[in-house]
N, C-alpha and C. Protein backbone atom coordinates (compact mmCIF):
# COMPACT_ATOMS: atom_id res chain seq x y z
N MET A 1 27.90 -7.66 -18.14
CA MET A 1 28.40 -6.30 -18.18
C MET A 1 28.29 -5.69 -16.78
N GLU A 2 29.34 -5.03 -16.35
CA GLU A 2 29.37 -4.41 -15.03
C GLU A 2 28.41 -3.22 -14.97
N GLU A 3 27.69 -3.09 -13.86
CA GLU A 3 26.72 -2.01 -13.69
C GLU A 3 27.40 -0.74 -13.17
N THR A 4 28.22 -0.14 -13.98
CA THR A 4 28.85 1.11 -13.61
C THR A 4 27.94 2.27 -14.02
N GLU A 5 28.24 3.43 -13.50
CA GLU A 5 27.45 4.61 -13.87
C GLU A 5 27.53 4.85 -15.38
N GLU A 6 28.70 4.67 -15.95
CA GLU A 6 28.85 4.87 -17.39
C GLU A 6 27.99 3.88 -18.18
N ASN A 7 27.95 2.63 -17.72
CA ASN A 7 27.14 1.63 -18.41
C ASN A 7 25.65 1.91 -18.27
N LYS A 8 25.28 2.68 -17.27
CA LYS A 8 23.89 3.08 -17.10
C LYS A 8 23.56 4.33 -17.90
N GLY A 9 24.57 4.87 -18.60
CA GLY A 9 24.36 6.08 -19.40
C GLY A 9 24.47 7.36 -18.61
N ARG A 10 25.09 7.29 -17.45
CA ARG A 10 25.20 8.47 -16.58
C ARG A 10 26.59 9.08 -16.69
N VAL A 11 26.65 10.39 -16.50
CA VAL A 11 27.92 11.11 -16.48
C VAL A 11 27.98 11.95 -15.21
N ALA A 12 29.18 12.27 -14.79
CA ALA A 12 29.37 13.09 -13.59
C ALA A 12 29.07 14.55 -13.89
N VAL A 13 28.43 15.20 -12.94
CA VAL A 13 28.18 16.65 -13.01
C VAL A 13 28.73 17.22 -11.71
N TRP A 14 29.76 18.02 -11.82
CA TRP A 14 30.40 18.57 -10.62
C TRP A 14 29.81 19.94 -10.31
N LEU A 15 29.07 19.99 -9.22
CA LEU A 15 28.45 21.23 -8.78
C LEU A 15 28.87 21.51 -7.34
N ASP A 16 28.90 22.79 -6.97
CA ASP A 16 29.21 23.08 -5.57
C ASP A 16 27.97 22.80 -4.73
N VAL A 17 28.18 22.68 -3.43
CA VAL A 17 27.12 22.32 -2.50
C VAL A 17 25.93 23.28 -2.62
N GLY A 18 26.20 24.56 -2.75
CA GLY A 18 25.11 25.53 -2.86
C GLY A 18 24.23 25.28 -4.08
N ALA A 19 24.83 24.92 -5.21
CA ALA A 19 24.06 24.65 -6.42
C ALA A 19 23.22 23.38 -6.25
N ILE A 20 23.77 22.38 -5.60
CA ILE A 20 23.04 21.13 -5.38
C ILE A 20 21.86 21.37 -4.45
N LYS A 21 22.07 22.14 -3.39
CA LYS A 21 20.97 22.47 -2.48
C LYS A 21 19.90 23.28 -3.20
N PHE A 22 20.31 24.18 -4.07
CA PHE A 22 19.38 24.99 -4.84
C PHE A 22 18.46 24.10 -5.68
N ILE A 23 19.04 23.16 -6.41
CA ILE A 23 18.26 22.24 -7.25
C ILE A 23 17.32 21.41 -6.39
N ALA A 24 17.85 20.90 -5.28
CA ALA A 24 17.04 20.07 -4.39
C ALA A 24 15.84 20.83 -3.84
N ASP A 25 15.98 22.12 -3.65
CA ASP A 25 14.87 22.94 -3.13
C ASP A 25 13.95 23.46 -4.23
N GLU A 26 14.49 23.83 -5.37
CA GLU A 26 13.69 24.45 -6.43
C GLU A 26 12.63 23.52 -7.01
N TRP A 27 12.88 22.21 -7.01
CA TRP A 27 11.90 21.32 -7.63
C TRP A 27 10.57 21.35 -6.89
N ARG A 28 10.58 21.76 -5.64
CA ARG A 28 9.33 21.85 -4.88
C ARG A 28 8.46 23.02 -5.34
N LYS A 29 9.03 23.90 -6.15
CA LYS A 29 8.30 25.06 -6.68
C LYS A 29 7.63 24.77 -8.01
N MET A 30 7.78 23.56 -8.53
CA MET A 30 7.21 23.23 -9.83
C MET A 30 5.69 23.38 -9.79
N PRO A 31 5.10 23.82 -10.89
CA PRO A 31 3.64 24.00 -10.94
C PRO A 31 2.91 22.68 -10.70
N ASP A 32 1.78 22.77 -10.06
CA ASP A 32 0.98 21.57 -9.81
C ASP A 32 0.47 20.95 -11.11
N ASP A 33 0.31 21.78 -12.14
CA ASP A 33 -0.20 21.26 -13.41
C ASP A 33 0.91 20.93 -14.42
N LEU A 34 2.13 20.79 -13.95
CA LEU A 34 3.24 20.39 -14.81
C LEU A 34 2.97 18.97 -15.30
N PRO A 35 3.23 18.69 -16.57
CA PRO A 35 3.00 17.33 -17.07
C PRO A 35 3.74 16.27 -16.22
N GLU A 36 3.11 15.13 -16.06
CA GLU A 36 3.63 14.06 -15.20
C GLU A 36 5.06 13.66 -15.54
N LEU A 37 5.40 13.55 -16.81
CA LEU A 37 6.75 13.17 -17.21
C LEU A 37 7.78 14.17 -16.70
N GLU A 38 7.47 15.45 -16.80
CA GLU A 38 8.38 16.49 -16.33
C GLU A 38 8.47 16.50 -14.81
N ARG A 39 7.36 16.27 -14.13
CA ARG A 39 7.37 16.19 -12.66
C ARG A 39 8.28 15.06 -12.20
N LYS A 40 8.16 13.91 -12.86
CA LYS A 40 8.99 12.75 -12.49
C LYS A 40 10.46 13.01 -12.74
N MET A 41 10.77 13.69 -13.85
CA MET A 41 12.17 13.99 -14.16
C MET A 41 12.76 14.93 -13.12
N TRP A 42 12.02 15.99 -12.76
CA TRP A 42 12.50 16.92 -11.74
C TRP A 42 12.65 16.22 -10.40
N ALA A 43 11.71 15.36 -10.05
CA ALA A 43 11.79 14.63 -8.79
C ALA A 43 13.02 13.73 -8.77
N ARG A 44 13.32 13.08 -9.89
CA ARG A 44 14.49 12.21 -9.97
C ARG A 44 15.79 13.01 -9.82
N VAL A 45 15.85 14.17 -10.47
CA VAL A 45 17.04 15.03 -10.36
C VAL A 45 17.20 15.51 -8.92
N ALA A 46 16.12 15.96 -8.30
CA ALA A 46 16.18 16.44 -6.92
C ALA A 46 16.59 15.32 -5.96
N PHE A 47 16.06 14.12 -6.17
CA PHE A 47 16.42 12.98 -5.33
C PHE A 47 17.91 12.69 -5.44
N ARG A 48 18.44 12.72 -6.63
CA ARG A 48 19.88 12.46 -6.82
C ARG A 48 20.71 13.56 -6.15
N CYS A 49 20.24 14.79 -6.19
CA CYS A 49 20.95 15.88 -5.52
C CYS A 49 20.98 15.64 -4.01
N MET A 50 19.83 15.29 -3.44
CA MET A 50 19.77 15.05 -2.00
C MET A 50 20.62 13.83 -1.62
N THR A 51 20.64 12.83 -2.47
CA THR A 51 21.47 11.65 -2.23
C THR A 51 22.94 12.01 -2.25
N ALA A 52 23.35 12.85 -3.19
CA ALA A 52 24.74 13.27 -3.28
C ALA A 52 25.16 14.03 -2.01
N LEU A 53 24.29 14.89 -1.53
CA LEU A 53 24.58 15.62 -0.30
C LEU A 53 24.72 14.65 0.88
N HIS A 54 23.80 13.71 0.98
CA HIS A 54 23.83 12.74 2.07
C HIS A 54 25.10 11.89 2.02
N LYS A 55 25.43 11.37 0.85
CA LYS A 55 26.61 10.51 0.70
C LYS A 55 27.90 11.28 0.97
N SER A 56 27.86 12.59 0.77
CA SER A 56 29.05 13.42 1.01
C SER A 56 29.12 13.89 2.46
N GLY A 57 28.12 13.57 3.24
CA GLY A 57 28.11 13.98 4.64
C GLY A 57 27.73 15.43 4.85
N VAL A 58 27.10 16.03 3.85
CA VAL A 58 26.71 17.44 3.92
C VAL A 58 25.33 17.52 4.55
N GLU A 59 25.20 18.33 5.58
CA GLU A 59 23.91 18.52 6.21
C GLU A 59 23.00 19.30 5.28
N TYR A 60 21.76 18.84 5.16
CA TYR A 60 20.80 19.48 4.26
C TYR A 60 19.46 19.57 4.95
N GLU A 61 18.95 20.76 5.03
CA GLU A 61 17.63 21.01 5.61
C GLU A 61 16.75 21.53 4.48
N PRO A 62 15.76 20.74 4.04
CA PRO A 62 14.93 21.16 2.90
C PRO A 62 14.22 22.49 3.16
N THR A 63 14.06 23.25 2.10
CA THR A 63 13.30 24.50 2.14
C THR A 63 12.00 24.27 1.40
N TRP A 64 10.89 24.58 2.06
CA TRP A 64 9.57 24.41 1.46
C TRP A 64 9.05 25.78 1.04
N PRO A 65 8.64 25.93 -0.22
CA PRO A 65 8.20 27.24 -0.70
C PRO A 65 6.82 27.64 -0.18
N GLU A 66 6.64 28.93 -0.05
CA GLU A 66 5.32 29.48 0.22
C GLU A 66 4.54 29.43 -1.10
N PRO A 67 3.22 29.42 -1.05
CA PRO A 67 2.43 29.34 -2.29
C PRO A 67 2.81 30.40 -3.33
N GLN A 68 3.11 31.60 -2.90
CA GLN A 68 3.46 32.66 -3.86
C GLN A 68 4.85 32.48 -4.48
N GLU A 69 5.66 31.57 -3.94
CA GLU A 69 6.99 31.31 -4.47
C GLU A 69 6.99 30.23 -5.55
N LYS A 70 5.87 29.53 -5.70
CA LYS A 70 5.80 28.45 -6.69
C LYS A 70 5.80 29.02 -8.10
N TYR A 71 6.24 28.21 -9.04
CA TYR A 71 6.19 28.56 -10.45
C TYR A 71 4.81 28.24 -11.00
N TYR A 72 4.39 28.99 -12.02
CA TYR A 72 3.09 28.75 -12.64
C TYR A 72 3.26 28.72 -14.15
N LEU A 73 2.55 27.81 -14.78
CA LEU A 73 2.57 27.75 -16.24
C LEU A 73 1.65 28.83 -16.79
N LYS A 74 2.11 29.49 -17.84
CA LYS A 74 1.27 30.49 -18.49
C LYS A 74 0.27 29.76 -19.37
N GLY A 75 -0.96 30.12 -19.25
CA GLY A 75 -1.98 29.39 -20.01
C GLY A 75 -2.70 30.14 -20.97
């Protein structure tokens, strides 16, 4: 079987560059105590966003949040 995106269970998501950059930056705001499975999923999504920007030749400069900009889980 050919290893196409469809065969891997993936579908295309068409977003504008601003939305992709937003996702790539927002994942860095995830709470430190976020469950590991969710952290990995967000990291995978952010990595794919950054890869899409790179493959499209779009310049991307990551934004790192200040501590007060991070998200926190209500406990």
